[in-house]
N, C-alpha and C. Protein backbone atom coordinates (compact mmCIF):
# COMPACT_ATOMS: atom_id res chain seq x y z
N UNK A 1 121.75 121.42 109.23
CA UNK A 1 120.47 122.19 109.21
C UNK A 1 118.70 122.55 109.39
N UNK A 2 118.47 121.13 109.75
CA UNK A 2 117.11 120.77 110.57
C UNK A 2 116.84 121.07 112.13
N UNK A 3 118.14 121.14 113.05
CA UNK A 3 117.75 121.20 114.21
C UNK A 3 117.80 123.21 113.86
N UNK A 4 118.40 123.80 112.91
CA UNK A 4 118.20 125.20 112.68
C UNK A 4 117.33 125.56 112.77
N UNK A 5 116.58 124.42 111.71
CA UNK A 5 114.88 124.70 111.54
C UNK A 5 114.44 124.67 111.89
N UNK A 6 114.11 123.66 113.37
CA UNK A 6 113.96 124.06 114.21
C UNK A 6 113.98 124.91 115.48
N UNK A 7 115.42 125.33 115.66
CA UNK A 7 115.00 126.96 116.40
C UNK A 7 114.39 127.98 115.73
N UNK A 8 114.76 128.11 114.09
CA UNK A 8 113.84 129.03 113.77
C UNK A 8 112.26 129.20 114.20
N UNK A 9 111.59 127.86 114.53
CA UNK A 9 110.27 127.73 113.98
C UNK A 9 110.30 128.13 116.23
N UNK A 10 111.04 128.22 116.84
CA UNK A 10 110.55 128.18 117.97
C UNK A 10 110.95 129.14 118.46
N UNK A 11 111.89 129.92 117.94
CA UNK A 11 112.36 131.82 118.38
C UNK A 11 111.08 132.57 117.99
N UNK A 12 110.18 132.30 116.26
CA UNK A 12 109.52 133.48 115.84
C UNK A 12 108.24 133.08 115.77
N UNK A 13 107.40 133.91 116.17
CA UNK A 13 106.05 134.42 115.68
C UNK A 13 105.33 133.54 115.14
N UNK A 14 105.86 133.81 113.66
CA UNK A 14 105.47 133.53 112.77
C UNK A 14 106.43 133.81 111.09
N UNK A 15 107.15 132.36 110.50
CA UNK A 15 108.28 133.06 109.85
C UNK A 15 107.12 131.98 108.24
N UNK A 16 107.64 133.15 106.93
CA UNK A 16 107.51 131.74 105.77
C UNK A 16 108.28 130.98 105.96
N UNK A 17 107.59 130.68 104.35
CA UNK A 17 108.97 129.59 103.67
C UNK A 17 110.19 130.24 103.32
N UNK A 18 110.21 131.30 102.61
CA UNK A 18 111.34 132.07 102.33
C UNK A 18 111.98 132.44 103.20
N UNK A 19 111.28 133.10 103.64
CA UNK A 19 111.73 134.15 104.94
C UNK A 19 113.08 133.27 106.08
N UNK A 20 112.16 131.86 105.99
CA UNK A 20 113.60 131.25 106.50
C UNK A 20 114.67 130.82 105.36
N UNK A 21 114.18 130.49 103.93
CA UNK A 21 115.23 130.15 103.13
C UNK A 21 116.16 131.62 103.42
N UNK A 22 115.52 132.55 103.45
CA UNK A 22 116.87 133.67 103.40
C UNK A 22 117.79 133.87 104.57
N UNK A 23 116.74 133.40 105.77
CA UNK A 23 117.55 133.31 106.63
C UNK A 23 118.44 133.19 107.16
N UNK A 24 118.30 132.14 106.57
CA UNK A 24 119.17 130.47 106.36
C UNK A 24 120.67 130.56 105.46
N UNK A 25 120.22 131.49 104.74
CA UNK A 25 121.19 131.40 103.13
C UNK A 25 121.03 129.92 102.72
N UNK A 26 119.53 129.39 102.89
CA UNK A 26 119.42 128.15 101.85
C UNK A 26 118.54 128.26 100.74
N UNK A 27 118.68 127.67 99.96
CA UNK A 27 117.16 127.48 98.79
C UNK A 27 116.30 127.21 99.49
N UNK A 28 114.91 127.72 98.35
CA UNK A 28 113.54 127.40 98.64
C UNK A 28 113.45 125.62 99.23
N UNK A 29 113.67 125.17 97.90
CA UNK A 29 113.74 124.02 98.10
C UNK A 29 114.06 122.73 98.82
N UNK A 30 115.19 123.50 100.01
CA UNK A 30 116.05 122.76 100.84
C UNK A 30 114.93 122.96 101.83
N UNK A 31 114.79 124.24 101.95
CA UNK A 31 113.48 124.54 103.95
C UNK A 31 112.54 123.87 103.44
N UNK A 32 111.64 123.88 102.16
CA UNK A 32 110.96 122.96 102.50
C UNK A 32 110.79 121.35 102.59
N UNK A 33 111.67 120.82 101.79
CA UNK A 33 112.49 119.73 102.13
C UNK A 33 112.53 119.14 103.36
N UNK A 34 113.27 120.27 104.15
CA UNK A 34 113.68 119.91 105.43
C UNK A 34 112.43 120.14 106.63
N UNK A 35 111.34 120.90 106.03
CA UNK A 35 109.69 121.33 106.48
C UNK A 35 109.79 119.26 106.62
N UNK A 36 109.36 119.30 105.64
CA UNK A 36 108.76 118.08 105.48
C UNK A 36 109.58 116.96 106.02
N UNK A 37 110.60 116.84 106.10
CA UNK A 37 111.31 115.77 106.63
C UNK A 37 110.85 116.03 108.23
N UNK A 38 111.60 116.87 108.76
CA UNK A 38 110.57 117.32 109.83
C UNK A 38 109.39 116.82 110.60
N UNK A 39 108.34 117.15 109.88
CA UNK A 39 107.11 116.92 109.76
C UNK A 39 107.07 115.15 109.82
N UNK A 40 107.54 114.35 108.63
CA UNK A 40 107.59 113.37 108.52
C UNK A 40 108.18 112.04 110.31
N UNK A 41 109.49 112.83 110.82
CA UNK A 41 109.94 112.45 111.93
C UNK A 41 109.45 112.78 113.26
N UNK A 42 107.96 113.61 113.17
CA UNK A 42 107.53 114.19 114.08
C UNK A 42 107.92 114.96 115.06
N UNK A 43 108.73 115.73 115.18
CA UNK A 43 109.32 117.08 115.66
C UNK A 43 108.28 118.39 114.84
N UNK A 44 107.58 117.89 114.16
CA UNK A 44 106.97 119.57 113.65
C UNK A 44 105.53 118.71 113.54
N UNK A 45 104.64 119.43 113.60
CA UNK A 45 103.48 119.28 112.92
C UNK A 45 102.59 120.07 112.07
N UNK A 46 102.27 119.89 111.71
CA UNK A 46 101.22 121.02 110.64
C UNK A 46 99.93 121.01 110.54
N UNK A 47 99.08 122.32 110.24
CA UNK A 47 97.91 122.47 110.45
C UNK A 47 97.47 122.92 108.96
N UNK A 48 97.04 122.36 108.55
CA UNK A 48 96.23 122.86 107.08
C UNK A 48 95.08 124.25 106.89
N UNK A 49 94.64 124.30 108.62
CA UNK A 49 93.36 125.53 109.07
C UNK A 49 91.96 125.03 108.81
N UNK A 50 91.28 125.74 108.62
CA UNK A 50 89.81 125.06 108.38
C UNK A 50 89.98 125.27 107.28
N UNK A 51 90.60 124.74 106.12
CA UNK A 51 90.59 124.15 105.06
C UNK A 51 90.56 123.38 104.25
N UNK A 52 89.45 122.31 105.29
CA UNK A 52 89.12 120.76 104.56
C UNK A 52 87.68 120.81 104.19
N UNK A 53 86.95 121.98 103.94
CA UNK A 53 86.13 122.35 102.81
C UNK A 53 85.39 121.42 101.73
N UNK A 54 84.94 120.63 102.06
CA UNK A 54 84.35 119.76 100.97
C UNK A 54 83.33 120.02 99.78
N UNK A 55 83.11 120.74 99.86
CA UNK A 55 82.05 121.70 99.41
C UNK A 55 82.54 122.68 98.23
N UNK A 56 82.40 122.86 96.66
CA UNK A 56 83.00 123.42 95.73
C UNK A 56 82.83 124.49 95.64
N UNK A 57 83.97 125.59 96.08
CA UNK A 57 83.44 126.61 96.09
C UNK A 57 82.39 127.57 95.75
N UNK A 58 82.31 127.27 93.96
CA UNK A 58 80.88 127.80 93.63
C UNK A 58 79.60 127.27 94.42
N UNK A 59 79.39 126.79 94.80
CA UNK A 59 78.23 126.13 95.49
C UNK A 59 78.12 126.89 97.53
N UNK A 60 79.66 127.14 97.23
CA UNK A 60 79.70 127.35 99.26
C UNK A 60 79.15 128.99 99.26
N UNK A 61 78.45 128.81 100.33
CA UNK A 61 77.40 130.55 101.53
C UNK A 61 78.36 131.23 101.14
N UNK A 62 80.21 131.05 101.72
CA UNK A 62 80.67 131.69 102.04
C UNK A 62 82.15 132.20 100.89
N UNK A 63 81.16 131.95 99.90
CA UNK A 63 83.12 131.82 98.79
C UNK A 63 83.30 133.48 98.66
N UNK A 64 82.37 134.15 98.50
CA UNK A 64 82.53 135.75 99.10
C UNK A 64 83.83 135.96 99.92
N UNK A 65 83.74 135.53 100.74
CA UNK A 65 84.25 136.01 102.22
C UNK A 65 85.64 135.26 102.78
N UNK A 66 86.05 134.22 101.40
CA UNK A 66 86.67 132.85 101.70
C UNK A 66 88.16 133.43 101.42
N UNK A 67 89.22 133.51 101.47
CA UNK A 67 90.67 133.05 101.69
C UNK A 67 90.74 132.95 100.47
N UNK A 68 90.26 131.30 99.80
CA UNK A 68 90.89 130.40 99.57
C UNK A 68 91.74 129.35 99.17
N UNK A 69 93.34 130.66 99.92
CA UNK A 69 94.42 130.23 99.74
C UNK A 69 94.80 129.28 101.53
N UNK A 70 94.79 128.03 101.49
CA UNK A 70 95.00 127.07 102.25
C UNK A 70 96.56 127.81 102.51
N UNK A 71 96.87 128.44 104.07
CA UNK A 71 97.91 127.83 104.82
C UNK A 71 97.74 127.36 105.55
N UNK A 72 99.22 126.72 105.34
CA UNK A 72 99.59 125.37 106.33
C UNK A 72 100.68 126.05 107.42
N UNK A 73 100.22 125.40 108.73
CA UNK A 73 101.13 126.33 109.73
C UNK A 73 101.71 124.90 110.10
N UNK A 74 103.06 125.68 110.81
CA UNK A 74 103.87 124.42 111.71
C UNK A 74 103.86 124.85 112.70
N UNK A 75 104.38 124.02 113.80
CA UNK A 75 104.05 124.08 115.13
C UNK A 75 105.10 122.99 115.61
N UNK A 76 106.31 123.11 117.08
CA UNK A 76 106.79 121.52 117.40
C UNK A 76 106.40 121.14 117.91
N UNK A 77 106.98 120.05 118.24
CA UNK A 77 105.71 118.77 118.65
C UNK A 77 105.97 118.45 120.23
N UNK A 78 106.14 117.93 120.86
CA UNK A 78 106.59 118.05 122.48
C UNK A 78 108.25 117.51 121.68
N UNK A 79 108.13 116.36 120.86
CA UNK A 79 108.88 116.06 120.76
C UNK A 79 110.04 116.59 120.35
N UNK A 80 109.83 117.63 119.29
CA UNK A 80 110.76 118.79 118.95
C UNK A 80 111.57 119.52 120.28
N UNK A 81 110.22 119.91 121.08
CA UNK A 81 110.71 120.29 121.89
C UNK A 81 111.62 119.99 122.96
N UNK A 82 111.88 118.57 123.11
CA UNK A 82 112.93 117.89 124.02
C UNK A 82 114.10 117.96 123.15
N UNK A 83 113.95 117.66 121.71
CA UNK A 83 115.47 117.35 120.74
C UNK A 83 116.01 119.04 121.52
N UNK A 84 115.00 120.33 121.57
CA UNK A 84 115.72 121.33 121.23
C UNK A 84 116.16 121.81 122.73
N UNK A 85 115.72 121.09 123.83
CA UNK A 85 115.89 121.29 125.26
C UNK A 85 117.71 120.70 125.82
N UNK A 86 117.49 119.73 124.88
CA UNK A 86 118.38 118.73 124.75
C UNK A 86 119.82 119.11 124.90
N UNK A 87 120.00 120.88 124.19
CA UNK A 87 121.40 121.48 123.72
C UNK A 87 121.68 122.27 124.52
């Protein structure tokens, strides 16, 4: 299933965990675990976006315009691309 996750991430411009779970017909928890494992193994890299803010929201001048919900993204690493190219 880990390779299936890699393929789906490679082929789609955008995927949510829920859409991955539906497409692969697997429980969401299994998808989350698979993504975490792929990050640990170095096949995916995770990006937290610009939400590395150290200011509490109440003191932030951008709080009104902020989404306040961090969106984590993942992308294939060179190692991930290499394993898919070997197939």
